[in-house]
Amino acid sequence: IAAGATTVNIPDTVGYTTPREFGALIRGIKENVPNIDQAI
């Protein structure tokens, strides 16, 4: 994001995660990436 990404995509590349895990991953990103408000 600091380098200019306007969208950051979170891939479950191998179809491994479960809904609760995936939701927690997105929530963790919202809470722990300081500049996440600058990207979708």
PDB file of all heavy atoms in Angstrom:
ATOM      1  N   ILE A   1       0.835  -1.205   0.000  1.00  0.00           N
ATOM      2  CA  ILE A   1       0.000   0.000   0.000  1.00  0.00           C
ATOM      3  C   ILE A   1       0.867   1.252   0.000  1.00  0.00           C
ATOM      4  O   ILE A   1       0.599   2.217  -0.729  1.00  0.00           O
ATOM      5  CB  ILE A   1      -0.967  -0.015   1.200  1.00  0.00           C
ATOM      6  CG1 ILE A   1      -1.959  -1.170   1.066  1.00  0.00           C
ATOM      7  CG2 ILE A   1      -1.720   1.309   1.294  1.00  0.00           C
ATOM      8  CD1 ILE A   1      -2.775  -1.444   2.321  1.00  0.00           C
ATOM      9  N   ALA A   2       1.927   1.216   0.797  1.00  0.00           N
ATOM     10  CA  ALA A   2       2.838   2.367   0.842  1.00  0.00           C
ATOM     11  C   ALA A   2       3.488   2.619  -0.513  1.00  0.00           C
ATOM     12  O   ALA A   2       3.797   3.763  -0.868  1.00  0.00           O
ATOM     13  CB  ALA A   2       3.916   2.128   1.904  1.00  0.00           C
ATOM     14  N   ALA A   3       3.667   1.543  -1.300  1.00  0.00           N
ATOM     15  CA  ALA A   3       4.278   1.668  -2.627  1.00  0.00           C
ATOM     16  C   ALA A   3       3.280   2.093  -3.698  1.00  0.00           C
ATOM     17  O   ALA A   3       3.672   2.353  -4.840  1.00  0.00           O
ATOM     18  CB  ALA A   3       4.931   0.344  -3.022  1.00  0.00           C
ATOM     19  N   GLY A   4       1.973   2.128  -3.356  1.00  0.00           N
ATOM     20  CA  GLY A   4       0.991   2.626  -4.313  1.00  0.00           C
ATOM     21  C   GLY A   4      -0.152   1.702  -4.645  1.00  0.00           C
ATOM     22  O   GLY A   4      -1.000   2.036  -5.491  1.00  0.00           O
ATOM     23  N   ALA A   5      -0.241   0.519  -4.024  1.00  0.00           N
ATOM     24  CA  ALA A   5      -1.358  -0.387  -4.317  1.00  0.00           C
ATOM     25  C   ALA A   5      -2.663   0.223  -3.814  1.00  0.00           C
ATOM     26  O   ALA A   5      -2.753   0.639  -2.655  1.00  0.00           O
ATOM     27  CB  ALA A   5      -1.121  -1.745  -3.664  1.00  0.00           C
ATOM     28  N   THR A   6      -3.665   0.281  -4.686  1.00  0.00           N
ATOM     29  CA  THR A   6      -4.967   0.833  -4.309  1.00  0.00           C
ATOM     30  C   THR A   6      -5.966  -0.256  -3.947  1.00  0.00           C
ATOM     31  O   THR A   6      -7.018   0.027  -3.376  1.00  0.00           O
ATOM     32  CB  THR A   6      -5.535   1.688  -5.450  1.00  0.00           C
ATOM     33  OG1 THR A   6      -5.441   0.954  -6.679  1.00  0.00           O
ATOM     34  CG2 THR A   6      -4.753   2.986  -5.595  1.00  0.00           C
ATOM     35  N   THR A   7      -5.644  -1.502  -4.309  1.00  0.00           N
ATOM     36  CA  THR A   7      -6.433  -2.670  -3.909  1.00  0.00           C
ATOM     37  C   THR A   7      -5.466  -3.746  -3.436  1.00  0.00           C
ATOM     38  O   THR A   7      -4.451  -3.999  -4.100  1.00  0.00           O
ATOM     39  CB  THR A   7      -7.264  -3.226  -5.083  1.00  0.00           C
ATOM     40  OG1 THR A   7      -8.167  -2.222  -5.556  1.00  0.00           O
ATOM     41  CG2 THR A   7      -8.055  -4.455  -4.667  1.00  0.00           C
ATOM     42  N   VAL A   8      -5.744  -4.353  -2.291  1.00  0.00           N
ATOM     43  CA  VAL A   8      -4.939  -5.493  -1.835  1.00  0.00           C
ATOM     44  C   VAL A   8      -5.848  -6.713  -1.789  1.00  0.00           C
ATOM     45  O   VAL A   8      -6.894  -6.691  -1.138  1.00  0.00           O
ATOM     46  CB  VAL A   8      -4.270  -5.223  -0.473  1.00  0.00           C
ATOM     47  CG1 VAL A   8      -3.112  -4.246  -0.633  1.00  0.00           C
ATOM     48  CG2 VAL A   8      -5.250  -4.731   0.572  1.00  0.00           C
ATOM     49  N   ASN A   9      -5.460  -7.730  -2.513  1.00  0.00           N
ATOM     50  CA  ASN A   9      -6.285  -8.917  -2.674  1.00  0.00           C
ATOM     51  C   ASN A   9      -5.748 -10.045  -1.798  1.00  0.00           C
ATOM     52  O   ASN A   9      -4.550 -10.314  -1.783  1.00  0.00           O
ATOM     53  CB  ASN A   9      -6.282  -9.331  -4.149  1.00  0.00           C
ATOM     54  CG  ASN A   9      -7.092 -10.582  -4.380  1.00  0.00           C
ATOM     55  OD1 ASN A   9      -8.228 -10.672  -3.934  1.00  0.00           O
ATOM     56  ND2 ASN A   9      -6.508 -11.559  -5.065  1.00  0.00           N
ATOM     57  N   ILE A  10      -6.650 -10.712  -1.080  1.00  0.00           N
ATOM     58  CA  ILE A  10      -6.262 -11.778  -0.159  1.00  0.00           C
ATOM     59  C   ILE A  10      -6.721 -13.114  -0.744  1.00  0.00           C
ATOM     60  O   ILE A  10      -7.892 -13.478  -0.641  1.00  0.00           O
ATOM     61  CB  ILE A  10      -6.891 -11.564   1.243  1.00  0.00           C
ATOM     62  CG1 ILE A  10      -6.705 -10.104   1.699  1.00  0.00           C
ATOM     63  CG2 ILE A  10      -6.311 -12.546   2.244  1.00  0.00           C
ATOM     64  CD1 ILE A  10      -5.254  -9.638   1.715  1.00  0.00           C
ATOM     65  N   PRO A  11      -5.802 -13.867  -1.374  1.00  0.00           N
ATOM     66  CA  PRO A  11      -6.207 -15.111  -2.024  1.00  0.00           C
ATOM     67  C   PRO A  11      -6.117 -16.336  -1.108  1.00  0.00           C
ATOM     68  O   PRO A  11      -5.126 -16.526  -0.409  1.00  0.00           O
ATOM     69  CB  PRO A  11      -5.198 -15.261  -3.173  1.00  0.00           C
ATOM     70  CG  PRO A  11      -4.275 -14.080  -3.091  1.00  0.00           C
ATOM     71  CD  PRO A  11      -4.431 -13.514  -1.710  1.00  0.00           C
ATOM     72  N   ASP A  12      -7.177 -17.131  -1.122  1.00  0.00           N
ATOM     73  CA  ASP A  12      -7.118 -18.480  -0.554  1.00  0.00           C
ATOM     74  C   ASP A  12      -6.786 -19.391  -1.735  1.00  0.00           C
ATOM     75  O   ASP A  12      -7.648 -20.049  -2.313  1.00  0.00           O
ATOM     76  CB  ASP A  12      -8.464 -18.842   0.075  1.00  0.00           C
ATOM     77  CG  ASP A  12      -8.458 -20.235   0.700  1.00  0.00           C
ATOM     78  OD1 ASP A  12      -7.359 -20.768   0.937  1.00  0.00           O
ATOM     79  OD2 ASP A  12      -9.552 -20.783   0.930  1.00  0.00           O
ATOM     80  N   THR A  13      -5.524 -19.403  -2.100  1.00  0.00           N
ATOM     81  CA  THR A  13      -5.053 -20.000  -3.354  1.00  0.00           C
ATOM     82  C   THR A  13      -5.385 -21.475  -3.480  1.00  0.00           C
ATOM     83  O   THR A  13      -5.674 -21.957  -4.577  1.00  0.00           O
ATOM     84  CB  THR A  13      -3.531 -19.787  -3.481  1.00  0.00           C
ATOM     85  OG1 THR A  13      -3.269 -18.386  -3.450  1.00  0.00           O
ATOM     86  CG2 THR A  13      -2.984 -20.380  -4.771  1.00  0.00           C
ATOM     87  N   VAL A  14      -5.343 -22.206  -2.376  1.00  0.00           N
ATOM     88  CA  VAL A  14      -5.541 -23.658  -2.457  1.00  0.00           C
ATOM     89  C   VAL A  14      -6.874 -24.094  -1.852  1.00  0.00           C
ATOM     90  O   VAL A  14      -7.114 -25.284  -1.653  1.00  0.00           O
ATOM     91  CB  VAL A  14      -4.370 -24.410  -1.776  1.00  0.00           C
ATOM     92  CG1 VAL A  14      -3.089 -24.190  -2.553  1.00  0.00           C
ATOM     93  CG2 VAL A  14      -4.187 -23.967  -0.325  1.00  0.00           C
ATOM     94  N   GLY A  15      -7.752 -23.141  -1.557  1.00  0.00           N
ATOM     95  CA  GLY A  15      -9.078 -23.491  -1.046  1.00  0.00           C
ATOM     96  C   GLY A  15      -9.034 -24.201   0.286  1.00  0.00           C
ATOM     97  O   GLY A  15      -9.796 -25.137   0.538  1.00  0.00           O
ATOM     98  N   TYR A  16      -8.156 -23.741   1.181  1.00  0.00           N
ATOM     99  CA  TYR A  16      -7.886 -24.451   2.435  1.00  0.00           C
ATOM    100  C   TYR A  16      -8.639 -23.896   3.635  1.00  0.00           C
ATOM    101  O   TYR A  16      -8.985 -24.619   4.561  1.00  0.00           O
ATOM    102  CB  TYR A  16      -6.376 -24.391   2.717  1.00  0.00           C
ATOM    103  CG  TYR A  16      -5.923 -25.069   3.981  1.00  0.00           C
ATOM    104  CD1 TYR A  16      -5.913 -26.459   4.085  1.00  0.00           C
ATOM    105  CD2 TYR A  16      -5.503 -24.320   5.077  1.00  0.00           C
ATOM    106  CE1 TYR A  16      -5.494 -27.086   5.251  1.00  0.00           C
ATOM    107  CE2 TYR A  16      -5.077 -24.937   6.245  1.00  0.00           C
ATOM    108  CZ  TYR A  16      -5.081 -26.318   6.329  1.00  0.00           C
ATOM    109  OH  TYR A  16      -4.662 -26.930   7.478  1.00  0.00           O
ATOM    110  N   THR A  17      -8.912 -22.593   3.629  1.00  0.00           N
ATOM    111  CA  THR A  17      -9.469 -21.963   4.824  1.00  0.00           C
ATOM    112  C   THR A  17     -10.965 -22.229   4.979  1.00  0.00           C
ATOM    113  O   THR A  17     -11.668 -22.562   4.027  1.00  0.00           O
ATOM    114  CB  THR A  17      -9.231 -20.440   4.815  1.00  0.00           C
ATOM    115  OG1 THR A  17      -9.851 -19.884   3.656  1.00  0.00           O
ATOM    116  CG2 THR A  17      -7.760 -20.113   4.806  1.00  0.00           C
ATOM    117  N   THR A  18     -11.438 -22.048   6.205  1.00  0.00           N
ATOM    118  CA  THR A  18     -12.862 -22.169   6.530  1.00  0.00           C
ATOM    119  C   THR A  18     -13.418 -20.765   6.743  1.00  0.00           C
ATOM    120  O   THR A  18     -12.662 -19.807   6.946  1.00  0.00           O
ATOM    121  CB  THR A  18     -13.069 -22.997   7.802  1.00  0.00           C
ATOM    122  OG1 THR A  18     -12.466 -22.299   8.910  1.00  0.00           O
ATOM    123  CG2 THR A  18     -12.450 -24.385   7.666  1.00  0.00           C
ATOM    124  N   PRO A  19     -14.744 -20.605   6.694  1.00  0.00           N
ATOM    125  CA  PRO A  19     -15.316 -19.260   6.813  1.00  0.00           C
ATOM    126  C   PRO A  19     -14.862 -18.496   8.057  1.00  0.00           C
ATOM    127  O   PRO A  19     -14.512 -17.314   7.963  1.00  0.00           O
ATOM    128  CB  PRO A  19     -16.824 -19.527   6.834  1.00  0.00           C
ATOM    129  CG  PRO A  19     -16.974 -20.768   6.002  1.00  0.00           C
ATOM    130  CD  PRO A  19     -15.771 -21.602   6.337  1.00  0.00           C
ATOM    131  N   ARG A  20     -14.871 -19.136   9.216  1.00  0.00           N
ATOM    132  CA  ARG A  20     -14.468 -18.423  10.433  1.00  0.00           C
ATOM    133  C   ARG A  20     -13.013 -17.967  10.348  1.00  0.00           C
ATOM    134  O   ARG A  20     -12.676 -16.844  10.715  1.00  0.00           O
ATOM    135  CB  ARG A  20     -14.678 -19.298  11.667  1.00  0.00           C
ATOM    136  CG  ARG A  20     -14.287 -18.600  12.965  1.00  0.00           C
ATOM    137  CD  ARG A  20     -14.593 -19.443  14.180  1.00  0.00           C
ATOM    138  NE  ARG A  20     -16.035 -19.577  14.387  1.00  0.00           N
ATOM    139  CZ  ARG A  20     -16.569 -20.235  15.416  1.00  0.00           C
ATOM    140  NH1 ARG A  20     -15.791 -20.815  16.311  1.00  0.00           N
ATOM    141  NH2 ARG A  20     -17.881 -20.314  15.548  1.00  0.00           N
ATOM    142  N   GLU A  21     -12.143 -18.838   9.826  1.00  0.00           N
ATOM    143  CA  GLU A  21     -10.729 -18.485   9.677  1.00  0.00           C
ATOM    144  C   GLU A  21     -10.544 -17.335   8.700  1.00  0.00           C
ATOM    145  O   GLU A  21      -9.761 -16.412   8.936  1.00  0.00           O
ATOM    146  CB  GLU A  21      -9.933 -19.699   9.190  1.00  0.00           C
ATOM    147  CG  GLU A  21      -9.773 -20.808  10.201  1.00  0.00           C
ATOM    148  CD  GLU A  21      -9.119 -22.028   9.590  1.00  0.00           C
ATOM    149  OE1 GLU A  21      -9.469 -22.370   8.436  1.00  0.00           O
ATOM    150  OE2 GLU A  21      -8.265 -22.646  10.251  1.00  0.00           O
ATOM    151  N   PHE A  22     -11.265 -17.406   7.573  1.00  0.00           N
ATOM    152  CA  PHE A  22     -11.106 -16.391   6.537  1.00  0.00           C
ATOM    153  C   PHE A  22     -11.619 -15.039   7.037  1.00  0.00           C
ATOM    154  O   PHE A  22     -11.007 -13.992   6.799  1.00  0.00           O
ATOM    155  CB  PHE A  22     -11.826 -16.814   5.260  1.00  0.00           C
ATOM    156  CG  PHE A  22     -11.289 -16.161   4.015  1.00  0.00           C
ATOM    157  CD1 PHE A  22      -9.953 -16.231   3.683  1.00  0.00           C
ATOM    158  CD2 PHE A  22     -12.141 -15.486   3.152  1.00  0.00           C
ATOM    159  CE1 PHE A  22      -9.456 -15.637   2.530  1.00  0.00           C
ATOM    160  CE2 PHE A  22     -11.661 -14.883   1.985  1.00  0.00           C
ATOM    161  CZ  PHE A  22     -10.320 -14.963   1.684  1.00  0.00           C
ATOM    162  N   GLY A  23     -12.755 -15.053   7.734  1.00  0.00           N
ATOM    163  CA  GLY A  23     -13.281 -13.821   8.294  1.00  0.00           C
ATOM    164  C   GLY A  23     -12.316 -13.220   9.301  1.00  0.00           C
ATOM    165  O   GLY A  23     -12.102 -11.994   9.321  1.00  0.00           O
ATOM    166  N   ALA A  24     -11.703 -14.076  10.120  1.00  0.00           N
ATOM    167  CA  ALA A  24     -10.738 -13.593  11.114  1.00  0.00           C
ATOM    168  C   ALA A  24      -9.503 -13.003  10.439  1.00  0.00           C
ATOM    169  O   ALA A  24      -8.926 -12.022  10.922  1.00  0.00           O
ATOM    170  CB  ALA A  24     -10.340 -14.739  12.048  1.00  0.00           C
ATOM    171  N   LEU A  25      -9.095 -13.616   9.303  1.00  0.00           N
ATOM    172  CA  LEU A  25      -7.939 -13.099   8.566  1.00  0.00           C
ATOM    173  C   LEU A  25      -8.216 -11.684   8.058  1.00  0.00           C
ATOM    174  O   LEU A  25      -7.378 -10.782   8.188  1.00  0.00           O
ATOM    175  CB  LEU A  25      -7.608 -14.034   7.401  1.00  0.00           C
ATOM    176  CG  LEU A  25      -6.453 -13.619   6.484  1.00  0.00           C
ATOM    177  CD1 LEU A  25      -5.147 -13.526   7.267  1.00  0.00           C
ATOM    178  CD2 LEU A  25      -6.308 -14.606   5.320  1.00  0.00           C
ATOM    179  N   ILE A  26      -9.398 -11.469   7.485  1.00  0.00           N
ATOM    180  CA  ILE A  26      -9.759 -10.135   6.979  1.00  0.00           C
ATOM    181  C   ILE A  26      -9.864  -9.144   8.136  1.00  0.00           C
ATOM    182  O   ILE A  26      -9.386  -7.995   8.043  1.00  0.00           O
ATOM    183  CB  ILE A  26     -11.092 -10.191   6.195  1.00  0.00           C
ATOM    184  CG1 ILE A  26     -10.996 -11.173   5.018  1.00  0.00           C
ATOM    185  CG2 ILE A  26     -11.458  -8.789   5.690  1.00  0.00           C
ATOM    186  CD1 ILE A  26      -9.887 -10.896   4.045  1.00  0.00           C
ATOM    187  N   ARG A  27     -10.465  -9.576   9.232  1.00  0.00           N
ATOM    188  CA  ARG A  27     -10.588  -8.686  10.399  1.00  0.00           C
ATOM    189  C   ARG A  27      -9.212  -8.324  10.951  1.00  0.00           C
ATOM    190  O   ARG A  27      -8.956  -7.170  11.311  1.00  0.00           O
ATOM    191  CB  ARG A  27     -11.427  -9.378  11.474  1.00  0.00           C
ATOM    192  CG  ARG A  27     -11.739  -8.484  12.667  1.00  0.00           C
ATOM    193  CD  ARG A  27     -12.818  -9.093  13.557  1.00  0.00           C
ATOM    194  NE  ARG A  27     -12.413 -10.379  14.126  1.00  0.00           N
ATOM    195  CZ  ARG A  27     -12.895 -11.565  13.726  1.00  0.00           C
ATOM    196  NH1 ARG A  27     -13.801 -11.625  12.760  1.00  0.00           N
ATOM    197  NH2 ARG A  27     -12.486 -12.677  14.299  1.00  0.00           N
ATOM    198  N   GLY A  28      -8.300  -9.313  10.977  1.00  0.00           N
ATOM    199  CA  GLY A  28      -6.943  -9.052  11.449  1.00  0.00           C
ATOM    200  C   GLY A  28      -6.219  -8.041  10.573  1.00  0.00           C
ATOM    201  O   GLY A  28      -5.469  -7.188  11.073  1.00  0.00           O
ATOM    202  N   ILE A  29      -6.446  -8.118   9.265  1.00  0.00           N
ATOM    203  CA  ILE A  29      -5.836  -7.156   8.340  1.00  0.00           C
ATOM    204  C   ILE A  29      -6.371  -5.743   8.614  1.00  0.00           C
ATOM    205  O   ILE A  29      -5.623  -4.766   8.654  1.00  0.00           O
ATOM    206  CB  ILE A  29      -6.106  -7.586   6.885  1.00  0.00           C
ATOM    207  CG1 ILE A  29      -5.304  -8.851   6.553  1.00  0.00           C
ATOM    208  CG2 ILE A  29      -5.777  -6.458   5.904  1.00  0.00           C
ATOM    209  CD1 ILE A  29      -5.697  -9.518   5.254  1.00  0.00           C
ATOM    210  N   LYS A  30      -7.684  -5.647   8.814  1.00  0.00           N
ATOM    211  CA  LYS A  30      -8.298  -4.338   9.102  1.00  0.00           C
ATOM    212  C   LYS A  30      -7.711  -3.729  10.378  1.00  0.00           C
ATOM    213  O   LYS A  30      -7.537  -2.511  10.478  1.00  0.00           O
ATOM    214  CB  LYS A  30      -9.814  -4.506   9.267  1.00  0.00           C
ATOM    215  CG  LYS A  30     -10.560  -4.805   7.986  1.00  0.00           C
ATOM    216  CD  LYS A  30     -10.934  -3.563   7.231  1.00  0.00           C
ATOM    217  CE  LYS A  30     -12.020  -2.788   7.926  1.00  0.00           C
ATOM    218  NZ  LYS A  30     -12.451  -1.602   7.130  1.00  0.00           N
ATOM    219  N   GLU A  31      -7.411  -4.584  11.341  1.00  0.00           N
ATOM    220  CA  GLU A  31      -6.979  -4.096  12.648  1.00  0.00           C
ATOM    221  C   GLU A  31      -5.472  -3.898  12.761  1.00  0.00           C
ATOM    222  O   GLU A  31      -5.015  -3.142  13.632  1.00  0.00           O
ATOM    223  CB  GLU A  31      -7.446  -5.072  13.741  1.00  0.00           C
ATOM    224  CG  GLU A  31      -8.962  -5.141  13.884  1.00  0.00           C
ATOM    225  CD  GLU A  31      -9.413  -6.243  14.822  1.00  0.00           C
ATOM    226  OE1 GLU A  31      -8.548  -7.080  15.218  1.00  0.00           O
ATOM    227  OE2 GLU A  31     -10.615  -6.309  15.134  1.00  0.00           O
ATOM    228  N   ASN A  32      -4.684  -4.554  11.894  1.00  0.00           N
ATOM    229  CA  ASN A  32      -3.236  -4.574  12.097  1.00  0.00           C
ATOM    230  C   ASN A  32      -2.395  -3.989  10.967  1.00  0.00           C
ATOM    231  O   ASN A  32      -1.173  -3.936  11.082  1.00  0.00           O
ATOM    232  CB  ASN A  32      -2.772  -6.016  12.360  1.00  0.00           C
ATOM    233  CG  ASN A  32      -3.305  -6.559  13.668  1.00  0.00           C
ATOM    234  OD1 ASN A  32      -2.825  -6.219  14.739  1.00  0.00           O
ATOM    235  ND2 ASN A  32      -4.323  -7.414  13.575  1.00  0.00           N
ATOM    236  N   VAL A  33      -3.037  -3.572   9.862  1.00  0.00           N
ATOM    237  CA  VAL A  33      -2.290  -2.918   8.779  1.00  0.00           C
ATOM    238  C   VAL A  33      -2.578  -1.420   8.886  1.00  0.00           C
ATOM    239  O   VAL A  33      -3.699  -0.976   8.587  1.00  0.00           O
ATOM    240  CB  VAL A  33      -2.703  -3.473   7.397  1.00  0.00           C
ATOM    241  CG1 VAL A  33      -1.962  -2.740   6.282  1.00  0.00           C
ATOM    242  CG2 VAL A  33      -2.423  -4.975   7.319  1.00  0.00           C
ATOM    243  N   PRO A  34      -1.616  -0.626   9.332  1.00  0.00           N
ATOM    244  CA  PRO A  34      -1.872   0.791   9.656  1.00  0.00           C
ATOM    245  C   PRO A  34      -2.472   1.612   8.529  1.00  0.00           C
ATOM    246  O   PRO A  34      -3.288   2.501   8.773  1.00  0.00           O
ATOM    247  CB  PRO A  34      -0.472   1.313  10.037  1.00  0.00           C
ATOM    248  CG  PRO A  34       0.310   0.107  10.414  1.00  0.00           C
ATOM    249  CD  PRO A  34      -0.216  -1.009   9.577  1.00  0.00           C
ATOM    250  N   ASN A  35      -2.065   1.341   7.279  1.00  0.00           N
ATOM    251  CA  ASN A  35      -2.536   2.157   6.153  1.00  0.00           C
ATOM    252  C   ASN A  35      -3.621   1.466   5.337  1.00  0.00           C
ATOM    253  O   ASN A  35      -3.848   1.806   4.173  1.00  0.00           O
ATOM    254  CB  ASN A  35      -1.361   2.546   5.251  1.00  0.00           C
ATOM    255  CG  ASN A  35      -0.549   1.326   4.797  1.00  0.00           C
ATOM    256  OD1 ASN A  35      -0.853   0.193   5.175  1.00  0.00           O
ATOM    257  ND2 ASN A  35       0.473   1.560   3.981  1.00  0.00           N
ATOM    258  N   ILE A  36      -4.331   0.499   5.941  1.00  0.00           N
ATOM    259  CA  ILE A  36      -5.333  -0.276   5.188  1.00  0.00           C
ATOM    260  C   ILE A  36      -6.480   0.603   4.704  1.00  0.00           C
ATOM    261  O   ILE A  36      -7.152   0.281   3.720  1.00  0.00           O
ATOM    262  CB  ILE A  36      -5.873  -1.449   6.044  1.00  0.00           C
ATOM    263  CG1 ILE A  36      -6.631  -2.453   5.163  1.00  0.00           C
ATOM    264  CG2 ILE A  36      -6.758  -0.946   7.172  1.00  0.00           C
ATOM    265  CD1 ILE A  36      -5.810  -3.117   4.112  1.00  0.00           C
ATOM    266  N   ASP A  37      -6.711   1.755   5.354  1.00  0.00           N
ATOM    267  CA  ASP A  37      -7.785   2.641   4.912  1.00  0.00           C
ATOM    268  C   ASP A  37      -7.481   3.305   3.574  1.00  0.00           C
ATOM    269  O   ASP A  37      -8.346   3.939   2.974  1.00  0.00           O
ATOM    270  CB  ASP A  37      -8.056   3.712   5.969  1.00  0.00           C
ATOM    271  CG  ASP A  37      -6.852   4.604   6.230  1.00  0.00           C
ATOM    272  OD1 ASP A  37      -5.707   4.122   6.070  1.00  0.00           O
ATOM    273  OD2 ASP A  37      -7.054   5.782   6.568  1.00  0.00           O
ATOM    274  N   GLN A  38      -6.255   3.129   3.066  1.00  0.00           N
ATOM    275  CA  GLN A  38      -5.878   3.706   1.769  1.00  0.00           C
ATOM    276  C   GLN A  38      -6.089   2.727   0.609  1.00  0.00           C
ATOM    277  O   GLN A  38      -5.756   3.035  -0.523  1.00  0.00           O
ATOM    278  CB  GLN A  38      -4.403   4.142   1.817  1.00  0.00           C
ATOM    279  CG  GLN A  38      -4.106   5.224   2.836  1.00  0.00           C
ATOM    280  CD  GLN A  38      -2.629   5.540   2.921  1.00  0.00           C
ATOM    281  OE1 GLN A  38      -1.914   5.486   1.920  1.00  0.00           O
ATOM    282  NE2 GLN A  38      -2.154   5.867   4.111  1.00  0.00           N
ATOM    283  N   ALA A  39      -6.613   1.554   0.922  1.00  0.00           N
ATOM    284  CA  ALA A  39      -6.816   0.549  -0.124  1.00  0.00           C
ATOM    285  C   ALA A  39      -8.116  -0.206   0.099  1.00  0.00           C
ATOM    286  O   ALA A  39      -8.650  -0.261   1.213  1.00  0.00           O
ATOM    287  CB  ALA A  39      -5.636  -0.433  -0.152  1.00  0.00           C
ATOM    288  N   ILE A  40      -8.632  -0.782  -0.965  1.00  0.00           N
ATOM    289  CA  ILE A  40      -9.808  -1.657  -0.899  1.00  0.00           C
ATOM    290  C   ILE A  40      -9.323  -3.079  -0.630  1.00  0.00           C
ATOM    291  O   ILE A  40      -8.364  -3.554  -1.250  1.00  0.00           O
ATOM    292  CB  ILE A  40     -10.597  -1.608  -2.222  1.00  0.00           C
ATOM    293  CG1 ILE A  40     -11.232  -0.219  -2.393  1.00  0.00           C
ATOM    294  CG2 ILE A  40     -11.655  -2.698  -2.288  1.00  0.00           C
ATOM    295  CD1 ILE A  40     -11.786   0.030  -3.773  1.00  0.00           C
TER     296      ILE A  40
END
